[in-house]
Amino acid sequence: FEAAATYVTASVEEDTDRLDDAAGWVAPDALA
């Protein structure tokens, strides 16, 4: 849930660095 919240927030703010960082915190299927 931390990864998802950070990923979505970074996506809305168009922050690619945080987006990539959050994407690496958990497995892709868990992030989905």
Full PDB file with SEQRES, HELIX, SHEET, SSBOND, CRYST1, ORIGX, SCALE, CONECT and MASTER records, all heavy atoms in Angstrom:
SEQRES   1 A   32  PHE GLU ALA ALA ALA THR TYR VAL THR ALA SER VAL GLU          
SEQRES   2 A   32  GLU ASP THR ASP ARG LEU ASP ASP ALA ALA GLY TRP VAL          
SEQRES   3 A   32  ALA PRO ASP ALA LEU ALA                                      
HELIX    1 AA1 GLU A    2  VAL A   12  1                                  11    
HELIX    2 AA2 THR A   16  ALA A   23  1                                   8    
HELIX    3 AA3 PRO A   28  LEU A   31  1                                   4    
CRYST1    1.000    1.000    1.000  90.00  90.00  90.00 P 1           1          
ORIGX1      1.000000  0.000000  0.000000        0.00000                         
ORIGX2      0.000000  1.000000  0.000000        0.00000                         
ORIGX3      0.000000  0.000000  1.000000        0.00000                         
SCALE1      1.000000  0.000000  0.000000        0.00000                         
SCALE2      0.000000  1.000000  0.000000        0.00000                         
SCALE3      0.000000  0.000000  1.000000        0.00000                         
ATOM      1  N   PHE A   1       0.815  -1.205   0.000  1.00  0.00           N  
ATOM      2  CA  PHE A   1       0.000   0.000   0.000  1.00  0.00           C  
ATOM      3  C   PHE A   1       0.855   1.263   0.000  1.00  0.00           C  
ATOM      4  O   PHE A   1       0.493   2.263  -0.611  1.00  0.00           O  
ATOM      5  CB  PHE A   1      -0.998  -0.027   1.147  1.00  0.00           C  
ATOM      6  CG  PHE A   1      -1.919  -1.208   1.038  1.00  0.00           C  
ATOM      7  CD1 PHE A   1      -1.899  -2.211   1.975  1.00  0.00           C  
ATOM      8  CD2 PHE A   1      -2.786  -1.340  -0.037  1.00  0.00           C  
ATOM      9  CE1 PHE A   1      -2.736  -3.313   1.861  1.00  0.00           C  
ATOM     10  CE2 PHE A   1      -3.624  -2.435  -0.167  1.00  0.00           C  
ATOM     11  CZ  PHE A   1      -3.600  -3.425   0.787  1.00  0.00           C  
ATOM     12  N   GLU A   2       1.999   1.235   0.685  1.00  0.00           N  
ATOM     13  CA  GLU A   2       2.928   2.366   0.609  1.00  0.00           C  
ATOM     14  C   GLU A   2       3.430   2.544  -0.816  1.00  0.00           C  
ATOM     15  O   GLU A   2       3.498   3.666  -1.323  1.00  0.00           O  
ATOM     16  CB  GLU A   2       4.122   2.138   1.534  1.00  0.00           C  
ATOM     17  CG  GLU A   2       3.839   2.282   2.999  1.00  0.00           C  
ATOM     18  CD  GLU A   2       5.049   1.935   3.843  1.00  0.00           C  
ATOM     19  OE1 GLU A   2       5.791   0.995   3.502  1.00  0.00           O  
ATOM     20  OE2 GLU A   2       5.234   2.618   4.858  1.00  0.00           O  
ATOM     21  N   ALA A   3       3.771   1.429  -1.440  1.00  0.00           N  
ATOM     22  CA  ALA A   3       4.263   1.487  -2.817  1.00  0.00           C  
ATOM     23  C   ALA A   3       3.189   2.026  -3.759  1.00  0.00           C  
ATOM     24  O   ALA A   3       3.464   2.878  -4.612  1.00  0.00           O  
ATOM     25  CB  ALA A   3       4.717   0.102  -3.266  1.00  0.00           C  
ATOM     26  N   ALA A   4       1.969   1.555  -3.603  1.00  0.00           N  
ATOM     27  CA  ALA A   4       0.879   2.005  -4.472  1.00  0.00           C  
ATOM     28  C   ALA A   4       0.590   3.489  -4.277  1.00  0.00           C  
ATOM     29  O   ALA A   4       0.422   4.234  -5.254  1.00  0.00           O  
ATOM     30  CB  ALA A   4      -0.382   1.184  -4.211  1.00  0.00           C  
ATOM     31  N   ALA A   5       0.534   3.939  -3.031  1.00  0.00           N  
ATOM     32  CA  ALA A   5       0.251   5.348  -2.763  1.00  0.00           C  
ATOM     33  C   ALA A   5       1.348   6.243  -3.332  1.00  0.00           C  
ATOM     34  O   ALA A   5       1.063   7.267  -3.966  1.00  0.00           O  
ATOM     35  CB  ALA A   5       0.106   5.576  -1.261  1.00  0.00           C  
ATOM     36  N   THR A   6       2.593   5.857  -3.140  1.00  0.00           N  
ATOM     37  CA  THR A   6       3.707   6.645  -3.667  1.00  0.00           C  
ATOM     38  C   THR A   6       3.715   6.624  -5.184  1.00  0.00           C  
ATOM     39  O   THR A   6       3.935   7.648  -5.828  1.00  0.00           O  
ATOM     40  CB  THR A   6       5.046   6.116  -3.107  1.00  0.00           C  
ATOM     41  OG1 THR A   6       4.993   6.177  -1.680  1.00  0.00           O  
ATOM     42  CG2 THR A   6       6.214   6.934  -3.612  1.00  0.00           C  
ATOM     43  N   TYR A   7       3.449   5.461  -5.773  1.00  0.00           N  
ATOM     44  CA  TYR A   7       3.448   5.318  -7.226  1.00  0.00           C  
ATOM     45  C   TYR A   7       2.365   6.193  -7.855  1.00  0.00           C  
ATOM     46  O   TYR A   7       2.618   6.925  -8.816  1.00  0.00           O  
ATOM     47  CB  TYR A   7       3.234   3.850  -7.603  1.00  0.00           C  
ATOM     48  CG  TYR A   7       3.380   3.562  -9.076  1.00  0.00           C  
ATOM     49  CD1 TYR A   7       4.616   3.245  -9.621  1.00  0.00           C  
ATOM     50  CD2 TYR A   7       2.279   3.614  -9.922  1.00  0.00           C  
ATOM     51  CE1 TYR A   7       4.761   2.980 -10.973  1.00  0.00           C  
ATOM     52  CE2 TYR A   7       2.412   3.350 -11.282  1.00  0.00           C  
ATOM     53  CZ  TYR A   7       3.649   3.030 -11.800  1.00  0.00           C  
ATOM     54  OH  TYR A   7       3.787   2.782 -13.141  1.00  0.00           O  
ATOM     55  N   VAL A   8       1.159   6.152  -7.302  1.00  0.00           N  
ATOM     56  CA  VAL A   8       0.051   6.944  -7.851  1.00  0.00           C  
ATOM     57  C   VAL A   8       0.319   8.430  -7.654  1.00  0.00           C  
ATOM     58  O   VAL A   8       0.101   9.236  -8.568  1.00  0.00           O  
ATOM     59  CB  VAL A   8      -1.288   6.520  -7.215  1.00  0.00           C  
ATOM     60  CG1 VAL A   8      -2.403   7.481  -7.570  1.00  0.00           C  
ATOM     61  CG2 VAL A   8      -1.649   5.108  -7.662  1.00  0.00           C  
ATOM     62  N   THR A   9       0.793   8.818  -6.483  1.00  0.00           N  
ATOM     63  CA  THR A   9       1.105  10.223  -6.220  1.00  0.00           C  
ATOM     64  C   THR A   9       2.176  10.723  -7.188  1.00  0.00           C  
ATOM     65  O   THR A   9       2.050  11.809  -7.763  1.00  0.00           O  
ATOM     66  CB  THR A   9       1.578  10.415  -4.773  1.00  0.00           C  
ATOM     67  OG1 THR A   9       0.576   9.915  -3.894  1.00  0.00           O  
ATOM     68  CG2 THR A   9       1.858  11.862  -4.461  1.00  0.00           C  
ATOM     69  N   ALA A  10       3.215   9.939  -7.375  1.00  0.00           N  
ATOM     70  CA  ALA A  10       4.288  10.319  -8.298  1.00  0.00           C  
ATOM     71  C   ALA A  10       3.773  10.404  -9.731  1.00  0.00           C  
ATOM     72  O   ALA A  10       4.194  11.275 -10.496  1.00  0.00           O  
ATOM     73  CB  ALA A  10       5.437   9.311  -8.207  1.00  0.00           C  
ATOM     74  N   SER A  11       2.856   9.528 -10.092  1.00  0.00           N  
ATOM     75  CA  SER A  11       2.274   9.564 -11.432  1.00  0.00           C  
ATOM     76  C   SER A  11       1.483  10.848 -11.649  1.00  0.00           C  
ATOM     77  O   SER A  11       1.592  11.498 -12.685  1.00  0.00           O  
ATOM     78  CB  SER A  11       1.382   8.347 -11.644  1.00  0.00           C  
ATOM     79  OG  SER A  11       0.778   8.396 -12.920  1.00  0.00           O  
ATOM     80  N   VAL A  12       0.677  11.223 -10.665  1.00  0.00           N  
ATOM     81  CA  VAL A  12      -0.129  12.447 -10.766  1.00  0.00           C  
ATOM     82  C   VAL A  12       0.784  13.672 -10.847  1.00  0.00           C  
ATOM     83  O   VAL A  12       0.531  14.593 -11.627  1.00  0.00           O  
ATOM     84  CB  VAL A  12      -1.095  12.559  -9.568  1.00  0.00           C  
ATOM     85  CG1 VAL A  12      -1.735  13.930  -9.498  1.00  0.00           C  
ATOM     86  CG2 VAL A  12      -2.158  11.478  -9.652  1.00  0.00           C  
ATOM     87  N   GLU A  13       1.851  13.663 -10.062  1.00  0.00           N  
ATOM     88  CA  GLU A  13       2.778  14.792 -10.029  1.00  0.00           C  
ATOM     89  C   GLU A  13       3.823  14.721 -11.142  1.00  0.00           C  
ATOM     90  O   GLU A  13       4.674  15.604 -11.238  1.00  0.00           O  
ATOM     91  CB  GLU A  13       3.474  14.851  -8.667  1.00  0.00           C  
ATOM     92  CG  GLU A  13       2.509  15.144  -7.531  1.00  0.00           C  
ATOM     93  CD  GLU A  13       3.143  15.021  -6.158  1.00  0.00           C  
ATOM     94  OE1 GLU A  13       4.319  14.584  -6.059  1.00  0.00           O  
ATOM     95  OE2 GLU A  13       2.459  15.353  -5.183  1.00  0.00           O  
ATOM     96  N   GLU A  14       3.769  13.659 -11.948  1.00  0.00           N  
ATOM     97  CA  GLU A  14       4.701  13.423 -13.048  1.00  0.00           C  
ATOM     98  C   GLU A  14       6.159  13.432 -12.580  1.00  0.00           C  
ATOM     99  O   GLU A  14       7.041  13.988 -13.211  1.00  0.00           O  
ATOM    100  CB  GLU A  14       4.466  14.434 -14.168  1.00  0.00           C  
ATOM    101  CG  GLU A  14       3.080  14.301 -14.775  1.00  0.00           C  
ATOM    102  CD  GLU A  14       2.787  15.322 -15.857  1.00  0.00           C  
ATOM    103  OE1 GLU A  14       3.674  16.160 -16.166  1.00  0.00           O  
ATOM    104  OE2 GLU A  14       1.676  15.290 -16.400  1.00  0.00           O  
ATOM    105  N   ASP A  15       6.398  12.797 -11.446  1.00  0.00           N  
ATOM    106  CA  ASP A  15       7.732  12.675 -10.865  1.00  0.00           C  
ATOM    107  C   ASP A  15       8.279  11.296 -11.220  1.00  0.00           C  
ATOM    108  O   ASP A  15       8.040  10.313 -10.517  1.00  0.00           O  
ATOM    109  CB  ASP A  15       7.650  12.859  -9.351  1.00  0.00           C  
ATOM    110  CG  ASP A  15       9.006  12.848  -8.662  1.00  0.00           C  
ATOM    111  OD1 ASP A  15      10.007  12.469  -9.300  1.00  0.00           O  
ATOM    112  OD2 ASP A  15       9.053  13.217  -7.476  1.00  0.00           O  
ATOM    113  N   THR A  16       9.022  11.223 -12.313  1.00  0.00           N  
ATOM    114  CA  THR A  16       9.479   9.918 -12.807  1.00  0.00           C  
ATOM    115  C   THR A  16      10.479   9.243 -11.877  1.00  0.00           C  
ATOM    116  O   THR A  16      10.517   8.017 -11.810  1.00  0.00           O  
ATOM    117  CB  THR A  16      10.097  10.049 -14.215  1.00  0.00           C  
ATOM    118  OG1 THR A  16      11.138  11.029 -14.183  1.00  0.00           O  
ATOM    119  CG2 THR A  16       9.048  10.458 -15.231  1.00  0.00           C  
ATOM    120  N   ASP A  17      11.276  10.029 -11.154  1.00  0.00           N  
ATOM    121  CA  ASP A  17      12.241   9.418 -10.230  1.00  0.00           C  
ATOM    122  C   ASP A  17      11.527   8.668  -9.105  1.00  0.00           C  
ATOM    123  O   ASP A  17      11.860   7.529  -8.790  1.00  0.00           O  
ATOM    124  CB  ASP A  17      13.178  10.475  -9.640  1.00  0.00           C  
ATOM    125  CG  ASP A  17      14.113  11.065 -10.691  1.00  0.00           C  
ATOM    126  OD1 ASP A  17      14.370  10.371 -11.696  1.00  0.00           O  
ATOM    127  OD2 ASP A  17      14.563  12.212 -10.509  1.00  0.00           O  
ATOM    128  N   ARG A  18      10.536   9.327  -8.481  1.00  0.00           N  
ATOM    129  CA  ARG A  18       9.766   8.663  -7.416  1.00  0.00           C  
ATOM    130  C   ARG A  18       8.936   7.518  -7.975  1.00  0.00           C  
ATOM    131  O   ARG A  18       8.741   6.505  -7.307  1.00  0.00           O  
ATOM    132  CB  ARG A  18       8.849   9.674  -6.714  1.00  0.00           C  
ATOM    133  CG  ARG A  18       9.529  10.355  -5.574  1.00  0.00           C  
ATOM    134  CD  ARG A  18       8.640  11.230  -4.736  1.00  0.00           C  
ATOM    135  NE  ARG A  18       7.288  10.749  -4.566  1.00  0.00           N  
ATOM    136  CZ  ARG A  18       6.231  11.536  -4.395  1.00  0.00           C  
ATOM    137  NH1 ARG A  18       6.361  12.828  -4.396  1.00  0.00           N  
ATOM    138  NH2 ARG A  18       5.036  11.031  -4.225  1.00  0.00           N  
ATOM    139  N   LEU A  19       8.451   7.670  -9.198  1.00  0.00           N  
ATOM    140  CA  LEU A  19       7.674   6.620  -9.845  1.00  0.00           C  
ATOM    141  C   LEU A  19       8.522   5.360 -10.001  1.00  0.00           C  
ATOM    142  O   LEU A  19       8.100   4.256  -9.629  1.00  0.00           O  
ATOM    143  CB  LEU A  19       7.194   7.117 -11.212  1.00  0.00           C  
ATOM    144  CG  LEU A  19       6.141   6.338 -11.930  1.00  0.00           C  
ATOM    145  CD1 LEU A  19       4.783   6.591 -11.299  1.00  0.00           C  
ATOM    146  CD2 LEU A  19       6.093   6.746 -13.388  1.00  0.00           C  
ATOM    147  N   ASP A  20       9.734   5.530 -10.514  1.00  0.00           N  
ATOM    148  CA  ASP A  20      10.634   4.389 -10.680  1.00  0.00           C  
ATOM    149  C   ASP A  20      11.043   3.803  -9.338  1.00  0.00           C  
ATOM    150  O   ASP A  20      11.167   2.581  -9.192  1.00  0.00           O  
ATOM    151  CB  ASP A  20      11.881   4.803 -11.473  1.00  0.00           C  
ATOM    152  CG  ASP A  20      11.576   5.165 -12.908  1.00  0.00           C  
ATOM    153  OD1 ASP A  20      10.520   4.728 -13.421  1.00  0.00           O  
ATOM    154  OD2 ASP A  20      12.384   5.889 -13.522  1.00  0.00           O  
ATOM    155  N   ASP A  21      11.262   4.653  -8.359  1.00  0.00           N  
ATOM    156  CA  ASP A  21      11.643   4.188  -7.030  1.00  0.00           C  
ATOM    157  C   ASP A  21      10.538   3.332  -6.420  1.00  0.00           C  
ATOM    158  O   ASP A  21      10.788   2.228  -5.944  1.00  0.00           O  
ATOM    159  CB  ASP A  21      11.950   5.394  -6.135  1.00  0.00           C  
ATOM    160  CG  ASP A  21      12.580   5.000  -4.819  1.00  0.00           C  
ATOM    161  OD1 ASP A  21      13.349   4.021  -4.787  1.00  0.00           O  
ATOM    162  OD2 ASP A  21      12.302   5.685  -3.811  1.00  0.00           O  
ATOM    163  N   ALA A  22       9.311   3.831  -6.449  1.00  0.00           N  
ATOM    164  CA  ALA A  22       8.175   3.093  -5.868  1.00  0.00           C  
ATOM    165  C   ALA A  22       7.924   1.790  -6.619  1.00  0.00           C  
ATOM    166  O   ALA A  22       7.538   0.791  -6.013  1.00  0.00           O  
ATOM    167  CB  ALA A  22       6.923   3.957  -5.877  1.00  0.00           C  
ATOM    168  N   ALA A  23       8.154   1.781  -7.918  1.00  0.00           N  
ATOM    169  CA  ALA A  23       7.941   0.570  -8.712  1.00  0.00           C  
ATOM    170  C   ALA A  23       8.897  -0.551  -8.309  1.00  0.00           C  
ATOM    171  O   ALA A  23       8.582  -1.725  -8.491  1.00  0.00           O  
ATOM    172  CB  ALA A  23       8.090   0.877 -10.199  1.00  0.00           C  
ATOM    173  N   GLY A  24      10.034  -0.196  -7.728  1.00  0.00           N  
ATOM    174  CA  GLY A  24      11.002  -1.202  -7.315  1.00  0.00           C  
ATOM    175  C   GLY A  24      10.818  -1.706  -5.897  1.00  0.00           C  
ATOM    176  O   GLY A  24      11.515  -2.616  -5.455  1.00  0.00           O  
ATOM    177  N   TRP A  25       9.884  -1.139  -5.152  1.00  0.00           N  
ATOM    178  CA  TRP A  25       9.698  -1.530  -3.752  1.00  0.00           C  
ATOM    179  C   TRP A  25       9.052  -2.890  -3.601  1.00  0.00           C  
ATOM    180  O   TRP A  25       9.328  -3.601  -2.631  1.00  0.00           O  
ATOM    181  CB  TRP A  25       8.856  -0.508  -3.018  1.00  0.00           C  
ATOM    182  CG  TRP A  25       9.532   0.815  -2.794  1.00  0.00           C  
ATOM    183  CD1 TRP A  25      10.843   1.114  -3.029  1.00  0.00           C  
ATOM    184  CD2 TRP A  25       8.936   2.006  -2.310  1.00  0.00           C  
ATOM    185  NE1 TRP A  25      11.088   2.427  -2.721  1.00  0.00           N  
ATOM    186  CE2 TRP A  25       9.932   3.002  -2.268  1.00  0.00           C  
ATOM    187  CE3 TRP A  25       7.646   2.337  -1.912  1.00  0.00           C  
ATOM    188  CZ2 TRP A  25       9.684   4.296  -1.836  1.00  0.00           C  
ATOM    189  CZ3 TRP A  25       7.401   3.627  -1.478  1.00  0.00           C  
ATOM    190  CH2 TRP A  25       8.413   4.590  -1.440  1.00  0.00           C  
ATOM    191  N   VAL A  26       8.157  -3.240  -4.497  1.00  0.00           N  
ATOM    192  CA  VAL A  26       7.438  -4.515  -4.406  1.00  0.00           C  
ATOM    193  C   VAL A  26       7.384  -5.142  -5.795  1.00  0.00           C  
ATOM    194  O   VAL A  26       7.714  -4.495  -6.788  1.00  0.00           O  
ATOM    195  CB  VAL A  26       5.996  -4.317  -3.852  1.00  0.00           C  
ATOM    196  CG1 VAL A  26       6.029  -3.840  -2.411  1.00  0.00           C  
ATOM    197  CG2 VAL A  26       5.194  -3.370  -4.708  1.00  0.00           C  
ATOM    198  N   ALA A  27       6.930  -6.370  -5.862  1.00  0.00           N  
ATOM    199  CA  ALA A  27       6.791  -7.064  -7.147  1.00  0.00           C  
ATOM    200  C   ALA A  27       5.736  -6.359  -8.002  1.00  0.00           C  
ATOM    201  O   ALA A  27       4.790  -5.766  -7.463  1.00  0.00           O  
ATOM    202  CB  ALA A  27       6.384  -8.516  -6.909  1.00  0.00           C  
ATOM    203  N   PRO A  28       5.876  -6.409  -9.328  1.00  0.00           N  
ATOM    204  CA  PRO A  28       4.914  -5.730 -10.199  1.00  0.00           C  
ATOM    205  C   PRO A  28       3.462  -6.151  -9.977  1.00  0.00           C  
ATOM    206  O   PRO A  28       2.568  -5.298  -9.988  1.00  0.00           O  
ATOM    207  CB  PRO A  28       5.376  -6.108 -11.610  1.00  0.00           C  
ATOM    208  CG  PRO A  28       6.823  -6.409 -11.465  1.00  0.00           C  
ATOM    209  CD  PRO A  28       6.979  -6.999 -10.094  1.00  0.00           C  
ATOM    210  N   ASP A  29       3.226  -7.436  -9.747  1.00  0.00           N  
ATOM    211  CA  ASP A  29       1.845  -7.867  -9.526  1.00  0.00           C  
ATOM    212  C   ASP A  29       1.321  -7.362  -8.183  1.00  0.00           C  
ATOM    213  O   ASP A  29       0.143  -7.026  -8.049  1.00  0.00           O  
ATOM    214  CB  ASP A  29       1.704  -9.381  -9.633  1.00  0.00           C  
ATOM    215  CG  ASP A  29       2.614 -10.142  -8.690  1.00  0.00           C  
ATOM    216  OD1 ASP A  29       3.675  -9.607  -8.318  1.00  0.00           O  
ATOM    217  OD2 ASP A  29       2.272 -11.278  -8.324  1.00  0.00           O  
ATOM    218  N   ALA A  30       2.185  -7.240  -7.195  1.00  0.00           N  
ATOM    219  CA  ALA A  30       1.770  -6.687  -5.905  1.00  0.00           C  
ATOM    220  C   ALA A  30       1.469  -5.196  -6.036  1.00  0.00           C  
ATOM    221  O   ALA A  30       0.506  -4.699  -5.450  1.00  0.00           O  
ATOM    222  CB  ALA A  30       2.857  -6.912  -4.855  1.00  0.00           C  
ATOM    223  N   LEU A  31       2.272  -4.493  -6.829  1.00  0.00           N  
ATOM    224  CA  LEU A  31       2.024  -3.076  -7.060  1.00  0.00           C  
ATOM    225  C   LEU A  31       0.696  -2.881  -7.782  1.00  0.00           C  
ATOM    226  O   LEU A  31      -0.089  -1.989  -7.421  1.00  0.00           O  
ATOM    227  CB  LEU A  31       3.161  -2.453  -7.865  1.00  0.00           C  
ATOM    228  CG  LEU A  31       3.050  -0.958  -8.150  1.00  0.00           C  
ATOM    229  CD1 LEU A  31       3.024  -0.157  -6.863  1.00  0.00           C  
ATOM    230  CD2 LEU A  31       4.198  -0.512  -9.038  1.00  0.00           C  
ATOM    231  N   ALA A  32       0.410  -3.713  -8.772  1.00  0.00           N  
ATOM    232  CA  ALA A  32      -0.867  -3.629  -9.493  1.00  0.00           C  
ATOM    233  C   ALA A  32      -2.039  -3.869  -8.538  1.00  0.00           C  
ATOM    234  O   ALA A  32      -3.057  -3.176  -8.604  1.00  0.00           O  
ATOM    235  CB  ALA A  32      -0.898  -4.635 -10.640  1.00  0.00           C  
TER     236      ALA A  32                                                      
MASTER        0    0    0    3    0    0    0    6  235    1    0    3          
END                                                                             
